[in-house]
Amino acid sequence: MLVDTILDAIGNTPTVKLHRLSADTGSSVYAKMESLNPGGSHKARIAYAMILDAQRKGILVRGSDQTILEPSGGNTGIGLAMAANLLGYKIVLVIPDNYSIEKQKLLRAFGAQIVLSDSRRGNNSHGEKAIELQFENPDFVMLNQQLNPANPEVHRLVTGPEIISAFGQTAVNYFVGGVGTGGHISGIGEALKAHWPALKIYGVEPAQCDLKNGYHAAHEIQGLSIGIIPRNMNFDILDGMIKVEKDECVSMLKKTMQTESISLGISSAANLVAVAKLAPHVSKGSVILTMVYDGVDSYLSYLD
């Protein structure tokens, strides 16, 4: 495979059968390995897509040295920093001060300027801080993954069809995904339901939250329940929500690394906990699909 830049290697990630979890649940469980994208997560897709969309609209001009501003827990920021380096932009990222030191160092290594928000202000503290910076710097371009329609669109037009192509004549019965910005579960869910109308979709949220009813609470599962109901989230496609606890996710993370030899982060482990909770309520042999968003590297503090 020969590509021009690392951005051309985004996508076409493999979907892997999880044999141990399949045996434990009586279902055929698969995970799309988005951790194998450049930058190490599914967020590379939306980062590049949002920049390309802004360029098409004339908001960004390639090579202009404009500054992109984004509130990000890390993975979207990595994707934006990678794209900014190659397309001629500066990047300012706002992340909560309780996010991993490893991820902060990684973002800086990619050339991003990091601004920390006060996590005591809630799970959307970085979004609020980014808005403050936008007012102070009106020339900054905030792509805003929570509101940007290019977020779910790339999953609807690209990630979803990749899944459909991978499964061929085999129907997926259930899709399980976390609810963060709402982009991937909405975009992929819409594509899959259009192809497999009988498909059921379940969102994953921290046990403390009730996102469909607009209730957020402090939690420790990075990537889930970001403190607001994102405009990109299409709750109408969901058939239910599954709640997970942090300790369950940490246990599943360790188990999966040792039984499936897959490196995964805390929100990816949350998906697998949700699959295990869903499985007793579905027909034996059902095909359940979920996502591995990123690897364990930025979450080693959870394993202490």
Protein backbone atom coordinates (compact mmCIF):
# COMPACT_ATOMS: atom_id res chain seq x y z
CA MET A 1 0.00 0.00 0.00
CA LEU A 2 1.56 3.25 -1.19
CA VAL A 3 0.12 6.60 -0.02
CA ASP A 4 1.13 10.22 -0.42
CA THR A 5 0.85 11.28 3.25
CA ILE A 6 -0.19 9.67 6.51
CA LEU A 7 -3.64 11.29 6.11
CA ASP A 8 -4.28 9.03 3.12
CA ALA A 9 -3.90 6.01 5.42
CA ILE A 10 -6.96 6.97 7.50
CA GLY A 11 -9.81 4.46 7.35
CA ASN A 12 -10.26 0.92 6.05
CA THR A 13 -9.57 -0.45 9.52
CA PRO A 14 -10.11 -4.19 10.08
CA THR A 15 -13.00 -5.71 11.99
CA VAL A 16 -11.85 -8.46 14.36
CA LYS A 17 -13.83 -11.28 15.96
CA LEU A 18 -13.44 -11.35 19.76
CA HIS A 19 -13.32 -15.10 20.37
CA ARG A 20 -13.19 -15.08 24.17
CA LEU A 21 -16.03 -12.58 24.53
CA SER A 22 -18.01 -14.50 21.89
CA ALA A 23 -17.58 -17.73 23.84
CA ASP A 24 -18.50 -16.04 27.12
CA THR A 25 -21.67 -14.45 25.72
CA GLY A 26 -22.92 -17.00 23.21
CA SER A 27 -22.93 -14.34 20.49
CA SER A 28 -20.56 -13.59 17.63
CA VAL A 29 -18.88 -10.40 18.85
CA TYR A 30 -16.83 -8.23 16.51
CA ALA A 31 -14.91 -4.99 17.06
CA LYS A 32 -13.91 -2.53 14.36
CA MET A 33 -10.31 -1.65 15.17
CA GLU A 34 -10.35 2.12 14.86
CA SER A 35 -7.26 2.19 17.09
CA LEU A 36 -5.29 1.23 13.96
CA ASN A 37 -5.98 4.58 12.28
CA PRO A 38 -3.06 7.04 12.00
CA GLY A 39 -2.91 8.87 15.30
CA GLY A 40 -4.33 5.82 17.03
CA SER A 41 -8.08 6.45 17.08
CA HIS A 42 -11.37 6.85 15.20
CA LYS A 43 -11.09 10.61 15.74
CA ALA A 44 -8.56 10.85 12.90
CA ARG A 45 -11.52 10.40 10.56
CA ILE A 46 -13.51 13.35 11.86
CA ALA A 47 -10.50 15.61 12.36
CA TYR A 48 -9.47 15.35 8.73
CA ALA A 49 -13.09 15.48 7.52
CA MET A 50 -13.84 18.68 9.46
CA ILE A 51 -10.76 20.42 8.06
CA LEU A 52 -11.57 19.35 4.50
CA ASP A 53 -15.15 20.55 4.95
CA ALA A 54 -13.95 23.93 6.25
CA GLN A 55 -11.59 24.22 3.28
CA ARG A 56 -14.41 23.49 0.83
CA LYS A 57 -16.45 26.24 2.47
CA GLY A 58 -13.57 28.72 2.37
CA ILE A 59 -13.39 28.96 6.18
CA LEU A 60 -9.88 27.53 6.13
CA VAL A 61 -7.32 28.09 3.39
CA ARG A 62 -4.62 25.46 3.05
CA GLY A 63 -1.15 26.79 3.81
CA SER A 64 -2.51 30.01 5.35
CA ASP A 65 -1.04 29.45 8.83
CA GLN A 66 -4.51 30.06 10.30
CA THR A 67 -5.09 28.82 13.85
CA ILE A 68 -7.54 26.00 14.47
CA LEU A 69 -9.04 25.95 17.97
CA GLU A 70 -10.72 22.86 19.38
CA PRO A 71 -11.89 21.55 22.77
CA SER A 72 -10.70 17.96 22.79
CA GLY A 73 -10.10 15.20 25.29
CA GLY A 74 -7.12 14.22 23.21
CA ASN A 75 -7.91 11.93 20.28
CA THR A 76 -9.59 14.55 18.09
CA GLY A 77 -6.75 16.87 18.99
CA ILE A 78 -4.17 14.35 17.80
CA GLY A 79 -5.97 14.00 14.48
CA LEU A 80 -6.28 17.77 14.07
CA ALA A 81 -2.62 18.33 14.95
CA MET A 82 -1.52 15.72 12.41
CA ALA A 83 -3.66 17.27 9.67
CA ALA A 84 -2.68 20.83 10.64
CA ASN A 85 1.02 19.99 10.34
CA LEU A 86 0.57 18.71 6.79
CA LEU A 87 -1.99 21.25 5.56
CA GLY A 88 -0.37 24.42 6.89
CA TYR A 89 -2.26 25.43 10.04
CA LYS A 90 -1.49 26.15 13.68
CA ILE A 91 -3.45 24.29 16.35
CA VAL A 92 -4.62 25.28 19.85
CA LEU A 93 -6.26 22.51 21.87
CA VAL A 94 -8.21 22.91 25.10
CA ILE A 95 -8.31 19.79 27.26
CA PRO A 96 -9.46 19.16 30.85
CA ASP A 97 -6.70 19.33 33.42
CA ASN A 98 -7.58 15.88 34.76
CA TYR A 99 -6.82 14.12 31.45
CA SER A 100 -3.71 11.98 31.24
CA ILE A 101 -0.27 13.57 31.29
CA GLU A 102 0.73 11.08 28.58
CA LYS A 103 -1.87 12.49 26.19
CA GLN A 104 -0.86 16.08 26.97
CA LYS A 105 2.77 15.23 26.15
CA LEU A 106 1.72 13.49 22.97
CA LEU A 107 -0.30 16.48 21.77
CA ARG A 108 2.62 18.81 22.41
CA ALA A 109 4.94 16.42 20.56
CA PHE A 110 2.67 16.82 17.52
CA GLY A 111 3.18 20.59 17.79
CA ALA A 112 -0.10 21.60 19.40
CA GLN A 113 -0.39 24.46 21.89
CA ILE A 114 -2.24 23.10 24.92
CA VAL A 115 -4.60 25.08 27.15
CA LEU A 116 -5.90 23.29 30.24
CA SER A 117 -9.45 23.82 31.52
CA ASP A 118 -10.59 23.48 35.13
CA SER A 119 -12.20 20.03 35.27
CA ARG A 120 -13.97 21.00 38.52
CA ARG A 121 -16.35 23.05 36.34
CA GLY A 122 -17.81 19.87 34.86
CA ASN A 123 -17.27 17.45 32.00
CA ASN A 124 -17.58 20.21 29.39
CA SER A 125 -15.08 22.55 31.05
CA HIS A 126 -12.85 22.40 27.98
CA GLY A 127 -15.75 23.38 25.73
CA GLU A 128 -16.51 26.41 27.90
CA LYS A 129 -12.83 27.43 27.98
CA ALA A 130 -12.60 27.10 24.20
CA ILE A 131 -15.55 29.47 23.77
CA GLU A 132 -13.77 31.99 26.01
CA LEU A 133 -10.66 31.72 23.83
CA GLN A 134 -12.76 32.12 20.69
CA PHE A 135 -14.13 35.44 21.98
CA GLU A 136 -10.60 36.58 22.85
CA ASN A 137 -9.26 35.47 19.45
CA PRO A 138 -11.98 35.96 16.82
CA ASP A 139 -9.58 34.98 14.02
CA PHE A 140 -9.27 31.45 15.44
CA VAL A 141 -11.35 28.82 13.64
CA MET A 142 -13.18 26.48 16.04
CA LEU A 143 -14.37 23.39 14.16
CA ASN A 144 -16.37 22.17 17.19
CA GLN A 145 -16.82 18.42 16.82
CA GLN A 146 -19.91 18.51 19.04
CA LEU A 147 -21.84 20.62 16.53
CA ASN A 148 -20.04 20.06 13.24
CA PRO A 149 -22.13 17.96 10.81
CA ALA A 150 -18.93 16.75 9.13
CA ASN A 151 -18.41 14.61 12.26
CA PRO A 152 -21.34 12.18 11.78
CA GLU A 153 -21.24 12.59 8.00
CA VAL A 154 -17.83 10.97 7.55
CA HIS A 155 -19.03 7.99 9.58
CA ARG A 156 -22.27 7.82 7.60
CA LEU A 157 -20.52 8.02 4.25
CA VAL A 158 -17.28 6.15 4.97
CA THR A 159 -17.09 4.16 8.23
CA GLY A 160 -20.58 2.68 7.93
CA PRO A 161 -20.06 1.47 4.34
CA GLU A 162 -16.70 -0.05 5.36
CA ILE A 163 -18.56 -2.15 7.93
CA ILE A 164 -21.26 -3.17 5.46
CA SER A 165 -18.62 -4.21 2.94
CA ALA A 166 -16.67 -6.19 5.54
CA PHE A 167 -19.68 -8.27 6.61
CA GLY A 168 -20.93 -8.89 3.08
CA GLN A 169 -23.92 -11.24 3.20
CA THR A 170 -23.76 -11.58 7.01
CA ALA A 171 -26.24 -9.32 8.78
CA VAL A 172 -25.20 -7.43 11.91
CA ASN A 173 -27.96 -7.73 14.51
CA TYR A 174 -26.71 -5.27 17.15
CA PHE A 175 -24.40 -2.28 17.18
CA VAL A 176 -23.05 -1.02 20.52
CA GLY A 177 -21.24 2.34 20.78
CA GLY A 178 -20.39 4.98 23.33
CA VAL A 179 -22.11 8.36 23.44
CA GLY A 180 -19.58 11.20 23.52
CA THR A 181 -19.92 13.83 20.81
CA GLY A 182 -22.55 11.58 19.20
CA GLY A 183 -20.80 11.56 15.84
CA HIS A 184 -19.74 7.98 15.29
CA ILE A 185 -22.75 6.22 16.82
CA SER A 186 -25.15 8.49 14.90
CA GLY A 187 -23.36 8.35 11.55
CA ILE A 188 -22.53 4.65 11.63
CA GLY A 189 -25.91 3.81 13.13
CA GLU A 190 -27.81 5.62 10.38
CA ALA A 191 -25.80 3.86 7.67
CA LEU A 192 -26.19 0.42 9.23
CA LYS A 193 -29.91 0.77 9.91
CA ALA A 194 -30.48 1.86 6.33
CA HIS A 195 -28.77 -1.34 5.17
CA TRP A 196 -30.05 -3.70 7.89
CA PRO A 197 -33.45 -2.32 8.99
CA ALA A 198 -33.80 -4.92 11.77
CA LEU A 199 -30.53 -3.83 13.39
CA LYS A 200 -30.75 -2.68 17.02
CA ILE A 201 -28.45 0.06 18.33
CA TYR A 202 -27.47 0.55 21.97
CA GLY A 203 -25.60 3.53 23.36
CA VAL A 204 -23.15 3.27 26.25
CA GLU A 205 -23.04 5.79 29.10
CA PRO A 206 -21.53 6.06 32.61
CA ALA A 207 -23.79 4.68 35.34
CA GLN A 208 -24.10 8.14 36.88
CA CYS A 209 -25.64 9.66 33.73
CA ASP A 210 -28.98 9.56 31.90
CA LEU A 211 -28.17 11.19 28.59
CA LYS A 212 -31.49 10.62 26.83
CA ASN A 213 -33.12 12.64 29.59
CA GLY A 214 -30.40 15.29 29.60
CA TYR A 215 -28.80 14.32 32.92
CA HIS A 216 -25.03 14.44 33.32
CA ALA A 217 -22.88 13.74 36.35
CA ALA A 218 -19.18 13.63 37.10
CA HIS A 219 -17.55 10.36 36.05
CA GLU A 220 -14.13 8.88 35.24
CA ILE A 221 -14.67 7.24 31.85
CA GLN A 222 -12.89 9.50 29.38
CA GLY A 223 -14.71 9.90 26.08
CA LEU A 224 -18.23 9.26 27.35
CA SER A 225 -20.85 11.83 28.47
CA ILE A 226 -19.03 15.07 27.74
CA GLY A 227 -21.31 17.27 29.87
CA ILE A 228 -23.78 18.44 27.23
CA ILE A 229 -26.20 16.85 24.78
CA PRO A 230 -24.31 17.27 21.50
CA ARG A 231 -26.29 18.49 18.52
CA ASN A 232 -24.71 15.70 16.48
CA MET A 233 -26.33 12.98 18.61
CA ASN A 234 -29.33 11.30 16.98
CA PHE A 235 -31.10 9.63 19.88
CA ASP A 236 -33.93 8.53 17.59
CA ILE A 237 -31.82 5.70 16.18
CA LEU A 238 -31.12 4.22 19.63
CA ASP A 239 -33.06 1.21 20.87
CA GLY A 240 -31.69 1.63 24.38
CA MET A 241 -28.84 2.76 26.61
CA ILE A 242 -26.53 0.54 28.65
CA LYS A 243 -24.89 1.85 31.81
CA VAL A 244 -21.35 0.93 32.82
CA GLU A 245 -19.18 1.50 35.89
CA LYS A 246 -15.53 2.53 35.80
CA ASP A 247 -14.37 -0.55 37.76
CA GLU A 248 -16.16 -2.83 35.29
CA CYS A 249 -14.39 -1.09 32.43
CA VAL A 250 -10.94 -1.38 34.02
CA SER A 251 -11.53 -5.08 34.67
CA MET A 252 -12.68 -5.64 31.08
CA LEU A 253 -9.70 -3.69 29.73
CA LYS A 254 -7.24 -5.98 31.53
CA LYS A 255 -9.16 -9.12 30.61
CA THR A 256 -9.36 -8.21 26.92
CA MET A 257 -5.67 -7.42 26.68
CA GLN A 258 -4.84 -10.81 28.19
CA THR A 259 -7.41 -12.93 26.31
CA GLU A 260 -7.77 -11.19 22.93
CA SER A 261 -4.31 -9.51 22.84
CA ILE A 262 -5.98 -6.23 21.88
CA SER A 263 -4.78 -2.92 23.30
CA LEU A 264 -7.76 -0.75 24.15
CA GLY A 265 -8.69 2.37 26.06
CA ILE A 266 -11.25 2.87 28.80
CA SER A 267 -14.20 3.87 26.57
CA SER A 268 -13.50 0.91 24.28
CA ALA A 269 -13.57 -1.36 27.33
CA ALA A 270 -16.88 0.28 28.25
CA ASN A 271 -18.27 -0.92 24.92
CA LEU A 272 -17.26 -4.50 25.71
CA VAL A 273 -18.82 -4.30 29.18
CA ALA A 274 -22.02 -3.13 27.51
CA VAL A 275 -21.86 -6.02 25.02
CA ALA A 276 -21.52 -8.48 27.91
CA LYS A 277 -24.56 -6.91 29.59
CA LEU A 278 -26.60 -6.97 26.38
CA ALA A 279 -25.78 -10.54 25.34
CA PRO A 280 -28.04 -12.37 27.85
CA HIS A 281 -31.04 -10.52 26.39
CA VAL A 282 -30.47 -11.42 22.72
CA SER A 283 -30.80 -14.62 20.73
CA LYS A 284 -27.85 -17.01 20.89
CA GLY A 285 -25.59 -16.63 17.90
CA SER A 286 -26.52 -13.01 17.31
CA VAL A 287 -23.91 -10.88 15.55
CA ILE A 288 -22.91 -7.96 17.79
CA LEU A 289 -20.61 -5.23 16.51
CA THR A 290 -18.79 -2.64 18.58
CA MET A 291 -15.74 -0.40 18.30
CA VAL A 292 -12.22 -0.25 19.71
CA TYR A 293 -11.60 3.49 19.56
CA ASP A 294 -7.99 3.71 20.72
CA GLY A 295 -5.23 1.87 22.54
CA VAL A 296 -4.28 1.59 26.18
CA ASP A 297 -1.20 3.83 26.02
CA SER A 298 -2.93 7.00 27.21
CA TYR A 299 -4.83 5.20 29.99
CA LEU A 300 -2.07 3.43 31.88
CA SER A 301 -2.93 5.44 35.01
CA TYR A 302 -6.20 3.48 35.17
CA LEU A 303 -4.18 0.30 35.68
CA ASP A 304 -2.32 1.45 38.80
